[in-house]
């Protein structure tokens, strides 16, 4: 991750800059939401932040 992200919704994936997120599903464009896993938690996050 390039930046810290604090999720707003229950299914969002929060992370800190430098975290290594396993991307499970990638959106079409850079502004799309992606799905990833971090420390056994799976959630959505803005693709432009990683």
Protein backbone atom coordinates (compact mmCIF):
# COMPACT_ATOMS: atom_id res chain seq x y z
CA UNK A 1 0.00 0.00 0.00
CA UNK A 2 1.22 3.49 -0.82
CA UNK A 3 -0.98 5.27 1.75
CA UNK A 4 -2.93 4.58 4.94
CA UNK A 5 -6.60 3.81 4.34
CA UNK A 6 -9.25 3.66 7.05
CA UNK A 7 -12.36 1.90 5.76
CA UNK A 8 -15.75 3.52 6.26
CA UNK A 9 -17.99 0.49 5.66
CA UNK A 10 -17.96 -2.95 7.32
CA UNK A 11 -16.71 -4.67 4.14
CA UNK A 12 -13.86 -2.18 3.55
CA UNK A 13 -10.27 -3.30 4.05
CA UNK A 14 -8.28 -0.88 6.22
CA UNK A 15 -4.49 -0.81 5.92
CA UNK A 16 -1.33 1.19 6.57
CA UNK A 17 1.25 2.46 4.09
CA UNK A 18 3.73 -0.33 3.43
CA UNK A 19 1.27 -3.18 4.07
CA UNK A 20 1.40 -5.93 1.46
CA UNK A 21 -2.13 -6.67 0.28
CA UNK A 22 -2.92 -9.80 -1.70
CA UNK A 23 -5.14 -8.56 -4.54
CA UNK A 24 -7.97 -11.01 -5.19
CA UNK A 25 -10.02 -8.97 -7.65
CA UNK A 26 -8.87 -5.95 -9.62
CA UNK A 27 -11.19 -3.25 -10.97
CA UNK A 28 -11.15 -2.09 -14.59
CA UNK A 29 -9.60 1.32 -13.91
CA UNK A 30 -7.42 3.02 -11.30
CA UNK A 31 -10.43 4.67 -9.60
CA UNK A 32 -12.30 1.37 -9.15
CA UNK A 33 -12.58 -0.56 -5.91
CA UNK A 34 -10.53 -3.74 -5.60
CA UNK A 35 -10.89 -6.76 -3.33
CA UNK A 36 -7.92 -7.97 -1.33
CA UNK A 37 -6.68 -9.87 1.72
CA UNK A 38 -4.56 -8.56 4.55
CA UNK A 39 -3.81 -10.68 7.65
CA UNK A 40 -6.73 -13.08 7.03
CA UNK A 41 -9.20 -10.20 6.52
CA UNK A 42 -10.81 -9.82 3.09
CA UNK A 43 -12.39 -6.56 1.99
CA UNK A 44 -12.74 -3.83 -0.60
CA UNK A 45 -10.42 -0.85 -0.98
CA UNK A 46 -9.73 1.91 -3.52
CA UNK A 47 -7.29 0.53 -6.10
CA UNK A 48 -5.53 3.87 -6.49
CA UNK A 49 -4.16 3.57 -2.94
CA UNK A 50 -1.95 0.56 -3.70
